[in-house]
Structures are given as C-alpha cells and as structure tokens.
C-alpha cells in the first residue's frame, strides 16, 4: 500500500512538473514573440527569430503554436486580456459622458504608452492588428464596451443613441488616434486623450436618438 501511494505521488509530481514546464515554455515563447514583433514587426519576423530569443530547441515552438500567425494572435490576446482588466470598473463608475469617454480613452492610450515594448508593438504592427478586429478576442473587448455603453445609457450618463453604431465608432476613433500618436516623435498621450475625448463629446451631442 505504501509503495503504491509513493508511486502515485511520484507520478503526480512528475505530471505537475511537466505541466509547469509546458507553461514556462509557452510563456517564454510569448515573451520572445512580443519582443520580436515589437522590434522588427510582424512582416519581417519569423519563427526562427522568436525561438532564438529563448533557450528552447527550434522544434519546441511547434509543440505550442502552429505558425507565426497563431503566436501573433496569442500575443494580442494576452494584451487584450490585460487591457480588459484595466477597463473593468473605470467606465462603469463614470457619472458624465465626458468622464465615460475620458476613462475609456485614457485607459487605452496609457496602456499603449506605459510600456515601451507595447508602444513599439503597436507602432510596428498596425496592419496586422487591424486585421484582427474580427477575431473573438477583440470582439470580447467590444462586448464588454457594449455592456458598459448600454449600462451608461440606462443610467442617463450617455444619451439614448444607437450603441451598435457608437461602440465601433468609439473603438475606431481611439485606435486610429493611437496610431497617429505613436507615429509622432515625441509622442503626446495627453494631447491624444484630450483630442479623442473632445471629438467624442462633440459627436455625441449631434447623434440621433436610437429607434425604440
């Protein structure tokens, strides 16, 4: 009985170590990929460039990701999860339309500029990021924004406009202004936040009421 228990425990420990190693290898590949994509961009990057930034054997990559596209999506997914975490609560606490827009815009803009690697990633991968707008991960961010917009309309914080139009309009404005911002040297996050906020405030005042 004791031998069986010891064997079971040893097997469980080995399994636990394997899972930990897998998680560490995957995390190492994601870190390396984010760095490579930030430095040279999606178009120029290759799987070999990513693996070279790790201590892993070249074939190990394919145990975790099918190709460059898949790991790029995984990097964007990881960033999206962190961005959604930062958004949580900020828009929901807004008491005015300006506060709602400013909270949303500043969270996104500051997420981009606070980390030099994320800033470089955004600067060097505009087109592939745009192409991911229909992916489930970015759509989940839109769903969270839809929920917050509709809740703000119900609370009277935002006027009764068509959220199905407002959400993509807001997302597009913030993304495109962030693209213009990161192309500047030096970058001006406060100016970008102020411009986008005032733009949305001017727009919301002239939007028609949603149809009941």
C-alpha atoms as a PDB file:
ATOM      1  CA  UNK A   1       0.000   0.000   0.000  1.00  0.00           C
ATOM      2  CA  UNK A   2       2.783   2.430   0.930  1.00  0.00           C
ATOM      3  CA  UNK A   3       4.636   1.649  -2.294  1.00  0.00           C
ATOM      4  CA  UNK A   4       1.514   2.262  -4.331  1.00  0.00           C
ATOM      5  CA  UNK A   5       0.929   5.579  -2.576  1.00  0.00           C
ATOM      6  CA  UNK A   6       4.539   6.646  -3.120  1.00  0.00           C
ATOM      7  CA  UNK A   7       4.356   5.682  -6.795  1.00  0.00           C
ATOM      8  CA  UNK A   8       1.125   7.623  -7.206  1.00  0.00           C
ATOM      9  CA  UNK A   9       2.648  10.659  -5.504  1.00  0.00           C
ATOM     10  CA  UNK A  10       5.804  10.493  -7.623  1.00  0.00           C
ATOM     11  CA  UNK A  11       3.720  10.195 -10.787  1.00  0.00           C
ATOM     12  CA  UNK A  12       1.625  13.166  -9.746  1.00  0.00           C
ATOM     13  CA  UNK A  13       4.751  15.221  -9.074  1.00  0.00           C
ATOM     14  CA  UNK A  14       6.186  14.326 -12.479  1.00  0.00           C
ATOM     15  CA  UNK A  15       2.917  15.308 -14.138  1.00  0.00           C
ATOM     16  CA  UNK A  16       2.888  18.572 -12.216  1.00  0.00           C
ATOM     17  CA  UNK A  17       6.447  19.371 -13.298  1.00  0.00           C
ATOM     18  CA  UNK A  18       5.606  18.589 -16.928  1.00  0.00           C
ATOM     19  CA  UNK A  19       2.658  20.968 -16.830  1.00  0.00           C
ATOM     20  CA  UNK A  20       4.781  23.633 -15.173  1.00  0.00           C
ATOM     21  CA  UNK A  21       7.493  23.201 -17.809  1.00  0.00           C
ATOM     22  CA  UNK A  22       4.896  23.477 -20.564  1.00  0.00           C
ATOM     23  CA  UNK A  23       3.509  26.667 -19.059  1.00  0.00           C
ATOM     24  CA  UNK A  24       7.007  28.131 -18.674  1.00  0.00           C
ATOM     25  CA  UNK A  25       7.974  27.213 -22.257  1.00  0.00           C
ATOM     26  CA  UNK A  26       4.806  28.768 -23.642  1.00  0.00           C
ATOM     27  CA  UNK A  27       5.319  31.919 -21.591  1.00  0.00           C
ATOM     28  CA  UNK A  28       8.935  32.148 -22.789  1.00  0.00           C
ATOM     29  CA  UNK A  29       7.818  31.889 -26.416  1.00  0.00           C
ATOM     30  CA  UNK A  30       5.149  34.565 -25.914  1.00  0.00           C
ATOM     31  CA  UNK A  31       7.638  36.939 -24.285  1.00  0.00           C
ATOM     32  CA  UNK A  32      10.108  36.356 -27.102  1.00  0.00           C
ATOM     33  CA  UNK A  33       7.429  36.816 -29.766  1.00  0.00           C
ATOM     34  CA  UNK A  34       6.200  40.083 -28.265  1.00  0.00           C
ATOM     35  CA  UNK A  35       9.779  41.360 -28.219  1.00  0.00           C
ATOM     36  CA  UNK A  36      10.478  40.287 -31.813  1.00  0.00           C
ATOM     37  CA  UNK A  37       7.208  41.676 -33.193  1.00  0.00           C
ATOM     38  CA  UNK A  38       7.834  44.931 -31.322  1.00  0.00           C
ATOM     39  CA  UNK A  39      11.370  45.208 -32.653  1.00  0.00           C
ATOM     40  CA  UNK A  40      11.026  44.234 -36.331  1.00  0.00           C
ATOM     41  CA  UNK A  41       7.276  43.909 -36.960  1.00  0.00           C
ATOM     42  CA  UNK A  42       5.053  41.029 -37.979  1.00  0.00           C
ATOM     43  CA  UNK A  43       6.034  41.095 -41.653  1.00  0.00           C
ATOM     44  CA  UNK A  44       9.781  40.756 -41.083  1.00  0.00           C
ATOM     45  CA  UNK A  45       9.580  38.362 -38.131  1.00  0.00           C
ATOM     46  CA  UNK A  46       9.911  34.603 -38.471  1.00  0.00           C
ATOM     47  CA  UNK A  47       9.534  31.643 -36.151  1.00  0.00           C
ATOM     48  CA  UNK A  48      13.318  31.268 -36.071  1.00  0.00           C
ATOM     49  CA  UNK A  49      13.696  34.857 -34.802  1.00  0.00           C
ATOM     50  CA  UNK A  50      11.322  34.087 -31.955  1.00  0.00           C
ATOM     51  CA  UNK A  51      12.955  30.815 -30.920  1.00  0.00           C
ATOM     52  CA  UNK A  52      16.406  32.430 -30.934  1.00  0.00           C
ATOM     53  CA  UNK A  53      15.240  34.723 -28.104  1.00  0.00           C
ATOM     54  CA  UNK A  54      14.640  31.660 -25.885  1.00  0.00           C
ATOM     55  CA  UNK A  55      16.693  28.742 -24.581  1.00  0.00           C
ATOM     56  CA  UNK A  56      14.377  26.279 -26.332  1.00  0.00           C
ATOM     57  CA  UNK A  57      15.149  23.939 -29.217  1.00  0.00           C
ATOM     58  CA  UNK A  58      13.774  25.110 -32.569  1.00  0.00           C
ATOM     59  CA  UNK A  59      11.273  22.253 -32.840  1.00  0.00           C
ATOM     60  CA  UNK A  60       9.777  23.076 -29.432  1.00  0.00           C
ATOM     61  CA  UNK A  61       7.905  26.034 -30.931  1.00  0.00           C
ATOM     62  CA  UNK A  62       5.551  23.726 -32.835  1.00  0.00           C
ATOM     63  CA  UNK A  63       4.510  21.934 -29.667  1.00  0.00           C
ATOM     64  CA  UNK A  64       2.737  25.148 -28.669  1.00  0.00           C
ATOM     65  CA  UNK A  65       1.940  27.153 -31.793  1.00  0.00           C
ATOM     66  CA  UNK A  66       1.143  26.187 -35.367  1.00  0.00           C
ATOM     67  CA  UNK A  67       2.874  29.128 -37.012  1.00  0.00           C
ATOM     68  CA  UNK A  68       3.724  32.828 -36.760  1.00  0.00           C
ATOM     69  CA  UNK A  69       0.080  33.835 -37.191  1.00  0.00           C
ATOM     70  CA  UNK A  70      -1.025  31.793 -34.208  1.00  0.00           C
ATOM     71  CA  UNK A  71       1.604  33.161 -31.840  1.00  0.00           C
ATOM     72  CA  UNK A  72       0.924  36.726 -33.014  1.00  0.00           C
ATOM     73  CA  UNK A  73      -2.751  36.216 -32.168  1.00  0.00           C
ATOM     74  CA  UNK A  74      -1.764  34.781 -28.790  1.00  0.00           C
ATOM     75  CA  UNK A  75       0.354  37.852 -28.023  1.00  0.00           C
ATOM     76  CA  UNK A  76      -2.512  40.183 -28.956  1.00  0.00           C
ATOM     77  CA  UNK A  77      -4.893  38.021 -26.907  1.00  0.00           C
ATOM     78  CA  UNK A  78      -2.634  38.341 -23.866  1.00  0.00           C
ATOM     79  CA  UNK A  79      -2.559  42.127 -24.261  1.00  0.00           C
ATOM     80  CA  UNK A  80      -6.333  42.236 -24.763  1.00  0.00           C
ATOM     81  CA  UNK A  81      -6.952  40.373 -21.508  1.00  0.00           C
ATOM     82  CA  UNK A  82      -4.764  42.852 -19.624  1.00  0.00           C
ATOM     83  CA  UNK A  83      -6.474  45.810 -21.307  1.00  0.00           C
ATOM     84  CA  UNK A  84      -9.926  44.455 -20.406  1.00  0.00           C
ATOM     85  CA  UNK A  85      -8.759  44.062 -16.822  1.00  0.00           C
ATOM     86  CA  UNK A  86      -7.699  47.714 -16.761  1.00  0.00           C
ATOM     87  CA  UNK A  87     -11.012  48.827 -18.251  1.00  0.00           C
ATOM     88  CA  UNK A  88     -13.009  46.953 -15.624  1.00  0.00           C
ATOM     89  CA  UNK A  89     -14.803  49.422 -13.408  1.00  0.00           C
ATOM     90  CA  UNK A  90     -13.438  52.651 -14.902  1.00  0.00           C
ATOM     91  CA  UNK A  91     -16.235  53.273 -17.393  1.00  0.00           C
ATOM     92  CA  UNK A  92     -18.824  51.810 -15.027  1.00  0.00           C
ATOM     93  CA  UNK A  93     -18.046  54.459 -12.390  1.00  0.00           C
ATOM     94  CA  UNK A  94     -18.418  57.401 -14.793  1.00  0.00           C
ATOM     95  CA  UNK A  95     -21.013  59.987 -13.802  1.00  0.00           C
ATOM     96  CA  UNK A  96     -20.942  62.038 -17.018  1.00  0.00           C
ATOM     97  CA  UNK A  97     -20.486  61.365 -20.718  1.00  0.00           C
ATOM     98  CA  UNK A  98     -17.140  63.177 -20.699  1.00  0.00           C
ATOM     99  CA  UNK A  99     -15.931  61.075 -17.776  1.00  0.00           C
ATOM    100  CA  UNK A 100     -17.063  57.899 -19.570  1.00  0.00           C
ATOM    101  CA  UNK A 101     -15.179  58.751 -22.758  1.00  0.00           C
ATOM    102  CA  UNK A 102     -12.114  60.067 -20.947  1.00  0.00           C
ATOM    103  CA  UNK A 103     -11.858  56.926 -18.774  1.00  0.00           C
ATOM    104  CA  UNK A 104     -12.124  54.662 -21.816  1.00  0.00           C
ATOM    105  CA  UNK A 105      -9.703  56.657 -23.954  1.00  0.00           C
ATOM    106  CA  UNK A 106      -7.074  57.289 -21.266  1.00  0.00           C
ATOM    107  CA  UNK A 107      -7.040  53.616 -20.234  1.00  0.00           C
ATOM    108  CA  UNK A 108      -6.316  52.561 -23.820  1.00  0.00           C
ATOM    109  CA  UNK A 109      -3.801  55.319 -24.589  1.00  0.00           C
ATOM    110  CA  UNK A 110      -1.901  54.858 -21.330  1.00  0.00           C
ATOM    111  CA  UNK A 111      -1.821  51.088 -21.858  1.00  0.00           C
ATOM    112  CA  UNK A 112      -0.070  51.730 -25.169  1.00  0.00           C
ATOM    113  CA  UNK A 113       2.465  54.280 -23.917  1.00  0.00           C
ATOM    114  CA  UNK A 114       3.249  52.993 -20.402  1.00  0.00           C
ATOM    115  CA  UNK A 115       5.282  50.037 -21.682  1.00  0.00           C
ATOM    116  CA  UNK A 116       7.925  50.862 -24.350  1.00  0.00           C
ATOM    117  CA  UNK A 117       7.586  47.364 -25.795  1.00  0.00           C
ATOM    118  CA  UNK A 118       3.811  47.668 -26.192  1.00  0.00           C
ATOM    119  CA  UNK A 119       4.342  51.081 -27.763  1.00  0.00           C
ATOM    120  CA  UNK A 120       6.809  49.591 -30.256  1.00  0.00           C
ATOM    121  CA  UNK A 121       4.487  46.633 -30.841  1.00  0.00           C
ATOM    122  CA  UNK A 122       1.640  48.984 -31.735  1.00  0.00           C
ATOM    123  CA  UNK A 123       3.864  51.186 -33.878  1.00  0.00           C
ATOM    124  CA  UNK A 124       5.282  48.293 -35.933  1.00  0.00           C
ATOM    125  CA  UNK A 125       2.155  46.153 -36.333  1.00  0.00           C
ATOM    126  CA  UNK A 126      -0.700  48.488 -37.247  1.00  0.00           C
ATOM    127  CA  UNK A 127      -1.936  46.499 -40.250  1.00  0.00           C
ATOM    128  CA  UNK A 128      -1.935  43.001 -38.686  1.00  0.00           C
ATOM    129  CA  UNK A 129      -3.633  44.410 -35.561  1.00  0.00           C
ATOM    130  CA  UNK A 130      -6.316  45.998 -37.760  1.00  0.00           C
ATOM    131  CA  UNK A 131      -6.848  42.630 -39.449  1.00  0.00           C
ATOM    132  CA  UNK A 132      -7.584  41.061 -36.063  1.00  0.00           C
ATOM    133  CA  UNK A 133     -10.605  43.270 -35.297  1.00  0.00           C
ATOM    134  CA  UNK A 134     -12.993  40.436 -36.148  1.00  0.00           C
ATOM    135  CA  UNK A 135     -11.163  37.878 -34.011  1.00  0.00           C
ATOM    136  CA  UNK A 136     -13.001  36.573 -30.923  1.00  0.00           C
ATOM    137  CA  UNK A 137     -10.518  38.163 -28.509  1.00  0.00           C
ATOM    138  CA  UNK A 138     -11.024  41.686 -29.806  1.00  0.00           C
ATOM    139  CA  UNK A 139     -14.749  41.042 -30.125  1.00  0.00           C
ATOM    140  CA  UNK A 140     -14.854  40.202 -26.420  1.00  0.00           C
ATOM    141  CA  UNK A 141     -13.440  43.664 -25.744  1.00  0.00           C
ATOM    142  CA  UNK A 142     -16.223  45.110 -27.895  1.00  0.00           C
ATOM    143  CA  UNK A 143     -18.844  43.120 -25.977  1.00  0.00           C
ATOM    144  CA  UNK A 144     -17.510  44.498 -22.703  1.00  0.00           C
ATOM    145  CA  UNK A 145     -17.686  48.008 -24.162  1.00  0.00           C
ATOM    146  CA  UNK A 146     -21.244  47.373 -25.458  1.00  0.00           C
ATOM    147  CA  UNK A 147     -22.291  46.342 -21.959  1.00  0.00           C
ATOM    148  CA  UNK A 148     -20.744  49.446 -20.406  1.00  0.00           C
ATOM    149  CA  UNK A 149     -22.232  51.772 -23.046  1.00  0.00           C
ATOM    150  CA  UNK A 150     -25.718  50.301 -22.659  1.00  0.00           C
ATOM    151  CA  UNK A 151     -25.469  50.489 -18.871  1.00  0.00           C
ATOM    152  CA  UNK A 152     -24.384  54.139 -19.146  1.00  0.00           C
ATOM    153  CA  UNK A 153     -27.367  54.865 -21.402  1.00  0.00           C
ATOM    154  CA  UNK A 154     -29.705  53.233 -18.899  1.00  0.00           C
ATOM    155  CA  UNK A 155     -28.206  55.346 -16.076  1.00  0.00           C
ATOM    156  CA  UNK A 156     -28.590  58.525 -18.109  1.00  0.00           C
ATOM    157  CA  UNK A 157     -24.817  59.063 -18.294  1.00  0.00           C
ATOM    158  CA  UNK A 158     -24.914  58.758 -22.095  1.00  0.00           C
ATOM    159  CA  UNK A 159     -27.809  59.937 -24.273  1.00  0.00           C
ATOM    160  CA  UNK A 160     -30.100  57.363 -25.873  1.00  0.00           C
ATOM    161  CA  UNK A 161     -28.113  56.748 -29.043  1.00  0.00           C
ATOM    162  CA  UNK A 162     -27.635  53.584 -31.076  1.00  0.00           C
ATOM    163  CA  UNK A 163     -24.921  51.650 -29.206  1.00  0.00           C
ATOM    164  CA  UNK A 164     -24.435  49.347 -32.209  1.00  0.00           C
ATOM    165  CA  UNK A 165     -23.049  52.394 -34.040  1.00  0.00           C
ATOM    166  CA  UNK A 166     -21.466  54.168 -31.067  1.00  0.00           C
ATOM    167  CA  UNK A 167     -19.239  51.267 -29.956  1.00  0.00           C
ATOM    168  CA  UNK A 168     -17.428  50.692 -33.276  1.00  0.00           C
ATOM    169  CA  UNK A 169     -17.204  54.470 -33.790  1.00  0.00           C
ATOM    170  CA  UNK A 170     -15.563  54.947 -30.374  1.00  0.00           C
ATOM    171  CA  UNK A 171     -13.257  51.955 -30.872  1.00  0.00           C
ATOM    172  CA  UNK A 172     -12.211  53.174 -34.307  1.00  0.00           C
ATOM    173  CA  UNK A 173     -11.565  56.738 -33.158  1.00  0.00           C
ATOM    174  CA  UNK A 174      -9.413  55.626 -30.226  1.00  0.00           C
ATOM    175  CA  UNK A 175      -7.429  53.102 -32.264  1.00  0.00           C
ATOM    176  CA  UNK A 176      -6.749  55.446 -35.182  1.00  0.00           C
ATOM    177  CA  UNK A 177      -5.781  58.330 -32.892  1.00  0.00           C
ATOM    178  CA  UNK A 178      -3.420  55.973 -31.050  1.00  0.00           C
ATOM    179  CA  UNK A 179      -1.874  55.021 -34.414  1.00  0.00           C
ATOM    180  CA  UNK A 180      -1.337  58.703 -35.260  1.00  0.00           C
ATOM    181  CA  UNK A 181       0.019  59.314 -31.753  1.00  0.00           C
ATOM    182  CA  UNK A 182       2.668  56.565 -31.837  1.00  0.00           C
ATOM    183  CA  UNK A 183       3.871  57.786 -35.242  1.00  0.00           C
ATOM    184  CA  UNK A 184       4.880  61.108 -33.660  1.00  0.00           C
ATOM    185  CA  UNK A 185       8.202  61.849 -32.013  1.00  0.00           C
ATOM    186  CA  UNK A 186       7.850  62.766 -29.252  1.00  0.00           C
ATOM    187  CA  UNK A 187       4.513  61.121 -28.562  1.00  0.00           C
ATOM    188  CA  UNK A 188       1.857  63.191 -26.806  1.00  0.00           C
ATOM    189  CA  UNK A 189      -0.535  60.918 -24.888  1.00  0.00           C
ATOM    190  CA  UNK A 190      -2.261  63.766 -23.050  1.00  0.00           C
ATOM    191  CA  UNK A 191      -2.893  65.566 -26.330  1.00  0.00           C
ATOM    192  CA  UNK A 192      -4.256  62.380 -27.887  1.00  0.00           C
ATOM    193  CA  UNK A 193      -6.558  61.742 -24.917  1.00  0.00           C
ATOM    194  CA  UNK A 194      -7.839  65.320 -24.954  1.00  0.00           C
ATOM    195  CA  UNK A 195      -8.418  65.321 -28.727  1.00  0.00           C
ATOM    196  CA  UNK A 196     -10.247  61.988 -28.727  1.00  0.00           C
ATOM    197  CA  UNK A 197     -12.374  62.939 -25.702  1.00  0.00           C
ATOM    198  CA  UNK A 198     -13.436  66.276 -27.183  1.00  0.00           C
ATOM    199  CA  UNK A 199     -14.059  64.634 -30.546  1.00  0.00           C
ATOM    200  CA  UNK A 200     -16.429  62.121 -28.953  1.00  0.00           C
ATOM    201  CA  UNK A 201     -18.152  64.796 -26.873  1.00  0.00           C
ATOM    202  CA  UNK A 202     -18.766  66.874 -30.000  1.00  0.00           C
ATOM    203  CA  UNK A 203     -20.050  63.833 -31.850  1.00  0.00           C
ATOM    204  CA  UNK A 204     -22.363  62.516 -29.125  1.00  0.00           C
ATOM    205  CA  UNK A 205     -24.159  65.864 -28.909  1.00  0.00           C
ATOM    206  CA  UNK A 206     -25.172  65.594 -32.556  1.00  0.00           C
ATOM    207  CA  UNK A 207     -26.165  61.944 -32.760  1.00  0.00           C
ATOM    208  CA  UNK A 208     -29.810  60.967 -33.346  1.00  0.00           C
ATOM    209  CA  UNK A 209     -31.710  59.128 -30.655  1.00  0.00           C
ATOM    210  CA  UNK A 210     -31.849  55.353 -31.094  1.00  0.00           C
ATOM    211  CA  UNK A 211     -35.010  53.898 -32.538  1.00  0.00           C
ATOM    212  CA  UNK A 212     -37.191  52.145 -29.968  1.00  0.00           C
END
